[in-house]
C-alpha atoms as a PDB file:
ATOM      1  CA  MET A   1       2.907 -12.407  26.590  1.00  0.00           C
ATOM      2  CA  ALA A   2       4.934 -11.455  29.671  1.00  0.00           C
ATOM      3  CA  LEU A   3       4.517  -7.883  30.883  1.00  0.00           C
ATOM      4  CA  PRO A   4       7.557  -5.587  31.186  1.00  0.00           C
ATOM      5  CA  GLN A   5       9.641  -5.686  34.368  1.00  0.00           C
ATOM      6  CA  VAL A   6       8.645  -3.218  37.084  1.00  0.00           C
ATOM      7  CA  VAL A   7      11.558  -0.935  38.063  1.00  0.00           C
ATOM      8  CA  SER A   8      12.204   2.425  39.704  1.00  0.00           C
ATOM      9  CA  ARG A   9      11.915   5.650  37.741  1.00  0.00           C
ATOM     10  CA  ASP A  10      15.714   6.066  37.716  1.00  0.00           C
ATOM     11  CA  GLU A  11      16.224   2.545  36.346  1.00  0.00           C
ATOM     12  CA  TRP A  12      13.536   3.174  33.720  1.00  0.00           C
ATOM     13  CA  LEU A  13      15.280   6.404  32.636  1.00  0.00           C
ATOM     14  CA  ILE A  14      18.599   4.600  32.117  1.00  0.00           C
ATOM     15  CA  ALA A  15      16.897   1.946  29.954  1.00  0.00           C
ATOM     16  CA  ARG A  16      14.941   4.580  28.049  1.00  0.00           C
ATOM     17  CA  LYS A  17      18.079   6.561  27.166  1.00  0.00           C
ATOM     18  CA  GLU A  18      19.792   3.402  25.958  1.00  0.00           C
ATOM     19  CA  LEU A  19      16.840   2.718  23.682  1.00  0.00           C
ATOM     20  CA  LEU A  20      16.790   6.360  22.540  1.00  0.00           C
ATOM     21  CA  ALA A  21      20.341   6.038  21.241  1.00  0.00           C
ATOM     22  CA  LYS A  22      19.292   3.010  19.164  1.00  0.00           C
ATOM     23  CA  GLU A  23      16.154   4.829  17.937  1.00  0.00           C
ATOM     24  CA  LYS A  24      18.283   7.725  16.734  1.00  0.00           C
ATOM     25  CA  GLY A  25      20.516   5.268  14.873  1.00  0.00           C
ATOM     26  CA  VAL A  26      17.465   3.790  13.120  1.00  0.00           C
ATOM     27  CA  THR A  27      16.220   7.293  12.256  1.00  0.00           C
ATOM     28  CA  ARG A  28      19.550   8.195  10.663  1.00  0.00           C
ATOM     29  CA  ALA A  29      19.642   4.915   8.744  1.00  0.00           C
ATOM     30  CA  GLN A  30      16.078   5.444   7.541  1.00  0.00           C
ATOM     31  CA  ALA A  31      16.905   8.957   6.371  1.00  0.00           C
ATOM     32  CA  ALA A  32      19.788   7.569   4.322  1.00  0.00           C
ATOM     33  CA  VAL A  33      17.541   4.923   2.734  1.00  0.00           C
ATOM     34  CA  ASP A  34      14.900   7.577   1.977  1.00  0.00           C
ATOM     35  CA  ALA A  35      17.531   9.701   0.247  1.00  0.00           C
ATOM     36  CA  GLN A  36      18.676   6.735  -1.842  1.00  0.00           C
ATOM     37  CA  ARG A  37      15.058   6.041  -2.816  1.00  0.00           C
ATOM     38  CA  ARG A  38      14.666   9.620  -4.066  1.00  0.00           C
ATOM     39  CA  GLU A  39      17.813   9.176  -6.171  1.00  0.00           C
ATOM     40  CA  LEU A  40      16.594   6.037  -7.948  1.00  0.00           C
ATOM     41  CA  PRO A  41      16.610   6.309 -11.745  1.00  0.00           C
ATOM     42  CA  MET A  42      13.231   6.212 -13.470  1.00  0.00           C
ATOM     43  CA  VAL A  43      11.646   4.511 -16.465  1.00  0.00           C
ATOM     44  CA  LYS A  44       9.467   6.268 -19.032  1.00  0.00           C
ATOM     45  CA  LEU A  45       6.132   4.515 -19.576  1.00  0.00           C
ATOM     46  CA  THR A  46       5.168   3.991 -23.193  1.00  0.00           C
ATOM     47  CA  LYS A  47       1.982   1.933 -22.715  1.00  0.00           C
ATOM     48  CA  ASP A  48      -1.346   3.766 -22.611  1.00  0.00           C
ATOM     49  CA  TYR A  49      -3.170   2.070 -19.732  1.00  0.00           C
ATOM     50  CA  LYS A  50      -6.968   2.138 -19.936  1.00  0.00           C
ATOM     51  CA  LEU A  51      -8.485   2.340 -16.465  1.00  0.00           C
ATOM     52  CA  ALA A  52     -12.074   2.908 -15.346  1.00  0.00           C
ATOM     53  CA  GLY A  53     -13.193   5.407 -12.721  1.00  0.00           C
ATOM     54  CA  PRO A  54     -16.443   6.920 -11.448  1.00  0.00           C
ATOM     55  CA  ALA A  55     -16.265   9.613 -14.142  1.00  0.00           C
ATOM     56  CA  GLY A  56     -15.620   7.101 -16.934  1.00  0.00           C
ATOM     57  CA  PRO A  57     -12.496   5.881 -18.745  1.00  0.00           C
ATOM     58  CA  ALA A  58      -9.201   7.213 -17.396  1.00  0.00           C
ATOM     59  CA  SER A  59      -5.547   7.032 -18.348  1.00  0.00           C
ATOM     60  CA  LEU A  60      -2.732   6.813 -15.821  1.00  0.00           C
ATOM     61  CA  LEU A  61      -2.025  10.460 -16.636  1.00  0.00           C
ATOM     62  CA  ASP A  62      -5.574  11.324 -15.521  1.00  0.00           C
ATOM     63  CA  LEU A  63      -4.866   9.907 -12.054  1.00  0.00           C
ATOM     64  CA  PHE A  64      -2.297  12.674 -11.494  1.00  0.00           C
ATOM     65  CA  GLU A  65      -5.155  15.238 -11.550  1.00  0.00           C
ATOM     66  CA  GLY A  66      -2.656  17.755 -12.906  1.00  0.00           C
ATOM     67  CA  ARG A  67      -0.115  17.223 -10.118  1.00  0.00           C
ATOM     68  CA  ARG A  68       3.554  16.236 -10.576  1.00  0.00           C
ATOM     69  CA  GLN A  69       3.578  13.024  -8.540  1.00  0.00           C
ATOM     70  CA  LEU A  70       1.250  10.050  -8.206  1.00  0.00           C
ATOM     71  CA  ILE A  71       1.225   7.275  -5.599  1.00  0.00           C
ATOM     72  CA  VAL A  72      -0.808   4.198  -6.507  1.00  0.00           C
ATOM     73  CA  TYR A  73      -1.712   1.656  -3.863  1.00  0.00           C
ATOM     74  CA  HIS A  74      -2.309  -1.696  -5.553  1.00  0.00           C
ATOM     75  CA  PHE A  75      -5.393  -2.822  -3.615  1.00  0.00           C
ATOM     76  CA  MET A  76      -6.009  -6.580  -3.741  1.00  0.00           C
ATOM     77  CA  PHE A  77      -9.485  -7.117  -5.195  1.00  0.00           C
ATOM     78  CA  ASP A  78      -9.772 -10.031  -7.612  1.00  0.00           C
ATOM     79  CA  PRO A  79     -12.644  -9.739 -10.125  1.00  0.00           C
ATOM     80  CA  SER A  80     -14.162 -12.935  -8.694  1.00  0.00           C
ATOM     81  CA  TRP A  81     -14.280 -11.562  -5.125  1.00  0.00           C
ATOM     82  CA  ASP A  82     -17.301  -9.820  -3.616  1.00  0.00           C
ATOM     83  CA  GLU A  83     -15.249  -7.539  -1.364  1.00  0.00           C
ATOM     84  CA  GLY A  84     -11.741  -6.133  -1.130  1.00  0.00           C
ATOM     85  CA  CYS A  85      -8.890  -7.687   0.830  1.00  0.00           C
ATOM     86  CA  PRO A  86      -9.112  -6.987   4.612  1.00  0.00           C
ATOM     87  CA  SER A  87      -5.368  -6.267   4.836  1.00  0.00           C
ATOM     88  CA  CYS A  88      -5.537  -3.745   1.995  1.00  0.00           C
ATOM     89  CA  SER A  89      -8.614  -2.299   3.662  1.00  0.00           C
ATOM     90  CA  LEU A  90      -6.512  -1.663   6.771  1.00  0.00           C
ATOM     91  CA  VAL A  91      -4.077   0.283   4.589  1.00  0.00           C
ATOM     92  CA  ALA A  92      -6.946   2.303   3.117  1.00  0.00           C
ATOM     93  CA  ASP A  93      -8.264   3.010   6.626  1.00  0.00           C
ATOM     94  CA  ASN A  94      -4.868   4.519   7.436  1.00  0.00           C
ATOM     95  CA  ILE A  95      -4.913   7.028   4.577  1.00  0.00           C
ATOM     96  CA  GLY A  96      -5.016  10.550   5.957  1.00  0.00           C
ATOM     97  CA  HIS A  97      -6.606  13.682   4.536  1.00  0.00           C
ATOM     98  CA  LEU A  98      -5.439  13.907   0.934  1.00  0.00           C
ATOM     99  CA  VAL A  99      -5.231  17.703   1.039  1.00  0.00           C
ATOM    100  CA  HIS A 100      -1.811  17.386   2.663  1.00  0.00           C
ATOM    101  CA  LEU A 101      -0.481  15.332  -0.264  1.00  0.00           C
ATOM    102  CA  HIS A 102      -2.188  17.640  -2.738  1.00  0.00           C
ATOM    103  CA  GLY A 103      -0.475  20.582  -1.058  1.00  0.00           C
ATOM    104  CA  VAL A 104       2.886  19.143  -2.107  1.00  0.00           C
ATOM    105  CA  ASN A 105       1.853  18.371  -5.690  1.00  0.00           C
ATOM    106  CA  THR A 106       1.140  14.668  -5.084  1.00  0.00           C
ATOM    107  CA  SER A 107      -1.960  12.589  -5.831  1.00  0.00           C
ATOM    108  CA  LEU A 108      -2.949   9.223  -4.382  1.00  0.00           C
ATOM    109  CA  SER A 109      -5.226   6.589  -5.900  1.00  0.00           C
ATOM    110  CA  LEU A 110      -6.183   2.985  -5.293  1.00  0.00           C
ATOM    111  CA  VAL A 111      -6.145   0.646  -8.292  1.00  0.00           C
ATOM    112  CA  SER A 112      -7.633  -2.866  -8.354  1.00  0.00           C
ATOM    113  CA  ARG A 113      -8.355  -5.454 -11.020  1.00  0.00           C
ATOM    114  CA  ALA A 114     -11.968  -5.876  -9.879  1.00  0.00           C
ATOM    115  CA  PRO A 115     -14.506  -4.127 -12.109  1.00  0.00           C
ATOM    116  CA  LEU A 116     -15.899  -0.785 -10.988  1.00  0.00           C
ATOM    117  CA  ALA A 117     -19.302  -2.394 -10.399  1.00  0.00           C
ATOM    118  CA  LYS A 118     -17.753  -4.276  -7.455  1.00  0.00           C
ATOM    119  CA  ILE A 119     -15.403  -1.544  -6.285  1.00  0.00           C
ATOM    120  CA  GLU A 120     -18.022   1.177  -5.910  1.00  0.00           C
ATOM    121  CA  PRO A 121     -20.405  -0.591  -3.480  1.00  0.00           C
ATOM    122  CA  PHE A 122     -17.515  -1.852  -1.352  1.00  0.00           C
ATOM    123  CA  LYS A 123     -16.001   1.637  -1.268  1.00  0.00           C
ATOM    124  CA  ALA A 124     -19.359   3.049  -0.139  1.00  0.00           C
ATOM    125  CA  ARG A 125     -19.652   0.346   2.531  1.00  0.00           C
ATOM    126  CA  MET A 126     -16.215   1.259   3.899  1.00  0.00           C
ATOM    127  CA  GLY A 127     -16.951   4.986   3.806  1.00  0.00           C
ATOM    128  CA  TRP A 128     -13.861   5.898   1.779  1.00  0.00           C
ATOM    129  CA  THR A 129     -13.603   8.827  -0.601  1.00  0.00           C
ATOM    130  CA  VAL A 130     -10.052   8.211  -1.852  1.00  0.00           C
ATOM    131  CA  PRO A 131     -10.024   7.890  -5.680  1.00  0.00           C
ATOM    132  CA  TRP A 132     -10.284   4.248  -6.726  1.00  0.00           C
ATOM    133  CA  PHE A 133      -9.902   2.944 -10.279  1.00  0.00           C
ATOM    134  CA  SER A 134     -10.370  -0.418 -11.968  1.00  0.00           C
ATOM    135  CA  SER A 135      -7.679  -1.953 -14.160  1.00  0.00           C
ATOM    136  CA  TYR A 136      -9.995  -4.800 -15.179  1.00  0.00           C
ATOM    137  CA  GLU A 137      -9.465  -4.406 -18.942  1.00  0.00           C
ATOM    138  CA  SER A 138      -5.833  -3.331 -18.677  1.00  0.00           C
ATOM    139  CA  ASP A 139      -2.371  -4.867 -18.344  1.00  0.00           C
ATOM    140  CA  PHE A 140      -1.609  -2.480 -15.492  1.00  0.00           C
ATOM    141  CA  ASN A 141      -1.725  -5.017 -12.645  1.00  0.00           C
ATOM    142  CA  TYR A 142       0.326  -7.546 -14.580  1.00  0.00           C
ATOM    143  CA  ASP A 143       2.936  -5.034 -15.710  1.00  0.00           C
ATOM    144  CA  PHE A 144       3.446  -3.890 -12.110  1.00  0.00           C
ATOM    145  CA  HIS A 145       3.443  -7.471 -10.817  1.00  0.00           C
ATOM    146  CA  VAL A 146       0.523  -7.368  -8.391  1.00  0.00           C
ATOM    147  CA  SER A 147      -1.587  -9.829 -10.388  1.00  0.00           C
ATOM    148  CA  ASN A 148       0.033 -13.056 -11.544  1.00  0.00           C
ATOM    149  CA  ASP A 149      -1.114 -15.398 -14.282  1.00  0.00           C
ATOM    150  CA  ALA A 150       1.595 -17.176 -16.273  1.00  0.00           C
ATOM    151  CA  SER A 151      -0.730 -17.298 -19.291  1.00  0.00           C
ATOM    152  CA  VAL A 152      -0.806 -13.481 -19.338  1.00  0.00           C
ATOM    153  CA  ALA A 153       2.707 -12.459 -18.272  1.00  0.00           C
ATOM    154  CA  PRO A 154       5.799 -13.941 -16.590  1.00  0.00           C
ATOM    155  CA  VAL A 155       5.163 -14.438 -12.883  1.00  0.00           C
ATOM    156  CA  GLU A 156       6.952 -12.050 -10.529  1.00  0.00           C
ATOM    157  CA  TYR A 157       6.229 -10.693  -7.059  1.00  0.00           C
ATOM    158  CA  ASN A 158       8.465  -8.586  -4.859  1.00  0.00           C
ATOM    159  CA  TYR A 159      11.214  -8.889  -7.499  1.00  0.00           C
ATOM    160  CA  LYS A 160      11.198 -12.703  -7.279  1.00  0.00           C
ATOM    161  CA  ASP A 161      10.424 -14.968 -10.233  1.00  0.00           C
ATOM    162  CA  GLU A 162       8.129 -17.988 -10.107  1.00  0.00           C
ATOM    163  CA  ALA A 163      10.886 -20.475  -9.251  1.00  0.00           C
ATOM    164  CA  THR A 164      12.092 -18.324  -6.344  1.00  0.00           C
ATOM    165  CA  LEU A 165       8.570 -17.824  -5.017  1.00  0.00           C
ATOM    166  CA  GLN A 166       7.958 -21.577  -5.106  1.00  0.00           C
ATOM    167  CA  HIS A 167      11.310 -22.316  -3.429  1.00  0.00           C
ATOM    168  CA  GLU A 168      10.634 -19.793  -0.629  1.00  0.00           C
ATOM    169  CA  GLY A 169       7.148 -21.155   0.094  1.00  0.00           C
ATOM    170  CA  LEU A 170       5.396 -18.181  -1.465  1.00  0.00           C
ATOM    171  CA  ALA A 171       3.401 -20.127  -4.051  1.00  0.00           C
ATOM    172  CA  HIS A 172       0.316 -18.111  -3.064  1.00  0.00           C
ATOM    173  CA  PHE A 173       1.650 -15.243  -5.168  1.00  0.00           C
ATOM    174  CA  VAL A 174       2.252 -17.367  -8.267  1.00  0.00           C
ATOM    175  CA  SER A 175      -1.385 -17.250  -9.415  1.00  0.00           C
ATOM    176  CA  ASN A 176      -3.095 -14.724  -7.215  1.00  0.00           C
ATOM    177  CA  GLU A 177      -3.407 -11.068  -6.329  1.00  0.00           C
ATOM    178  CA  GLY A 178      -0.677  -9.260  -4.381  1.00  0.00           C
ATOM    179  CA  HIS A 179      -0.492  -5.863  -2.729  1.00  0.00           C
ATOM    180  CA  GLY A 180       2.012  -3.106  -3.313  1.00  0.00           C
ATOM    181  CA  ALA A 181       2.575   0.578  -3.951  1.00  0.00           C
ATOM    182  CA  SER A 182       3.997   2.280  -7.033  1.00  0.00           C
ATOM    183  CA  VAL A 183       5.163   5.851  -7.512  1.00  0.00           C
ATOM    184  CA  PHE A 184       5.093   7.866 -10.724  1.00  0.00           C
ATOM    185  CA  LEU A 185       6.415  11.264 -11.779  1.00  0.00           C
ATOM    186  CA  ARG A 186       4.902  13.438 -14.501  1.00  0.00           C
ATOM    187  CA  ASP A 187       6.882  15.752 -16.771  1.00  0.00           C
ATOM    188  CA  GLY A 188       4.375  17.424 -19.058  1.00  0.00           C
ATOM    189  CA  ASP A 189       2.392  14.541 -20.583  1.00  0.00           C
ATOM    190  CA  SER A 190       5.225  12.046 -20.042  1.00  0.00           C
ATOM    191  CA  VAL A 191       4.852   9.606 -17.134  1.00  0.00           C
ATOM    192  CA  PHE A 192       7.812   7.925 -15.435  1.00  0.00           C
ATOM    193  CA  HIS A 193       7.843   4.983 -13.017  1.00  0.00           C
ATOM    194  CA  THR A 194      10.173   5.756 -10.099  1.00  0.00           C
ATOM    195  CA  TYR A 195       9.495   3.162  -7.378  1.00  0.00           C
ATOM    196  CA  SER A 196       7.477   0.090  -6.397  1.00  0.00           C
ATOM    197  CA  ALA A 197       7.365  -1.833  -3.117  1.00  0.00           C
ATOM    198  CA  TYR A 198       5.599  -5.052  -2.174  1.00  0.00           C
ATOM    199  CA  GLY A 199       5.067  -7.275   0.842  1.00  0.00           C
ATOM    200  CA  ARG A 200       6.385  -5.687   4.028  1.00  0.00           C
ATOM    201  CA  GLY A 201       7.815  -2.868   1.937  1.00  0.00           C
ATOM    202  CA  VAL A 202       4.493  -1.078   2.338  1.00  0.00           C
ATOM    203  CA  ASP A 203       4.373  -1.415   6.143  1.00  0.00           C
ATOM    204  CA  LEU A 204       5.369   2.248   6.385  1.00  0.00           C
ATOM    205  CA  LEU A 205       1.851   3.090   5.120  1.00  0.00           C
ATOM    206  CA  LEU A 206       0.258   1.430   8.149  1.00  0.00           C
ATOM    207  CA  GLY A 207      -0.126   4.079  10.827  1.00  0.00           C
ATOM    208  CA  THR A 208      -1.954   1.511  12.983  1.00  0.00           C
ATOM    209  CA  TYR A 209       1.247  -0.552  13.119  1.00  0.00           C
ATOM    210  CA  HIS A 210       3.369   2.440  14.107  1.00  0.00           C
ATOM    211  CA  TYR A 211       1.027   3.408  16.942  1.00  0.00           C
ATOM    212  CA  LEU A 212       1.015  -0.174  18.226  1.00  0.00           C
ATOM    213  CA  ASP A 213       4.807  -0.359  17.984  1.00  0.00           C
ATOM    214  CA  LEU A 214       4.908   2.309  20.710  1.00  0.00           C
ATOM    215  CA  THR A 215       3.041   0.045  23.136  1.00  0.00           C
ATOM    216  CA  PRO A 216       4.308  -2.805  25.343  1.00  0.00           C
ATOM    217  CA  LEU A 217       1.896  -5.316  23.778  1.00  0.00           C
ATOM    218  CA  GLY A 218       2.976  -4.363  20.253  1.00  0.00           C
ATOM    219  CA  ARG A 219       1.049  -5.212  17.092  1.00  0.00           C
ATOM    220  CA  GLN A 220      -0.595  -8.299  18.666  1.00  0.00           C
ATOM    221  CA  ARG A 221      -1.608  -9.718  15.282  1.00  0.00           C
ATOM    222  CA  TYR A 222      -0.359 -10.013  11.733  1.00  0.00           C
ATOM    223  CA  VAL A 223      -1.805  -7.629   9.183  1.00  0.00           C
ATOM    224  CA  THR A 224      -3.676 -10.576   7.638  1.00  0.00           C
ATOM    225  CA  GLU A 225      -5.551 -11.019  10.923  1.00  0.00           C
ATOM    226  CA  PHE A 226      -7.082  -7.558  10.951  1.00  0.00           C
ATOM    227  CA  LEU A 227     -10.750  -7.386   9.898  1.00  0.00           C
ATOM    228  CA  HIS A 228     -12.788  -5.050   7.755  1.00  0.00           C
ATOM    229  CA  HIS A 229     -13.496  -2.202  10.159  1.00  0.00           C
ATOM    230  CA  ASP A 230     -17.246  -2.880  10.193  1.00  0.00           C
ATOM    231  CA  ARG A 231     -16.742  -6.476  11.346  1.00  0.00           C
ATOM    232  CA  TYR A 232     -15.258  -5.867  14.772  1.00  0.00           C
ATOM    233  CA  ASP A 233     -17.537  -6.415  17.752  1.00  0.00           C
ATOM    234  CA  GLY A 234     -19.169  -3.109  18.616  1.00  0.00           C
ATOM    235  CA  ALA A 235     -17.999  -1.414  15.416  1.00  0.00           C
ATOM    236  CA  ALA A 236     -19.830   1.853  15.033  1.00  0.00           C
ATOM    237  CA  GLY A 237     -19.864   3.906  11.860  1.00  0.00           C
ATOM    238  CA  HIS A 238     -17.225   4.052   9.172  1.00  0.00           C
ATOM    239  CA  SER A 239     -13.996   5.958   8.871  1.00  0.00           C
ATOM    240  CA  CYS A 240     -13.907   8.362   5.925  1.00  0.00           C
ATOM    241  CA  HIS A 241     -10.929   9.355   3.790  1.00  0.00           C
END
């Protein structure tokens, strides 16, 4: 990759102000999209999902921990795998201190289709404390289109049906695990689905990307090329969330 051109400070300032004007335009556009997201209608959930957590069986309502809002990150972890997806692990590494979300009446949990017996040791290996639940004996992953098996439910990922996925060269998602994030709102004991995003729609959760976007060398690799954090050369210790 070619390095940036070397210029005088005055020339740099002119270029920086030009970029600043574009950055402000993106910020305004993003604020408008965020407002539209908050105004999305919502769907009341009628299915009683049976999940499994460290304390035993749990409903989706339990994941709220009494708060009004719940964000679920759909962590790719197939029941046949021995460890979670490295890309989803990068997302989990970027989760901050949950007290800040809790302070605004919002909970966050990871949910995967792998059984708890596989989730728990991997979670300990990674040093994470974020709540993590198994949907192994539930339709949850299929209903929110992050696990696909045509024999279980119609195939869909990122709002595209099986034919579209095949046509666009995304056959990997037709019979595999996918990542995503879903948002829920609680009103008493009623739970409503307000939002789901998949693919690059969850890039905003990757603080690592946003830091690298500030640098001249940029991201340098696709998210699928990042490793589990204990597999880098010279990796020391684990990050805890």
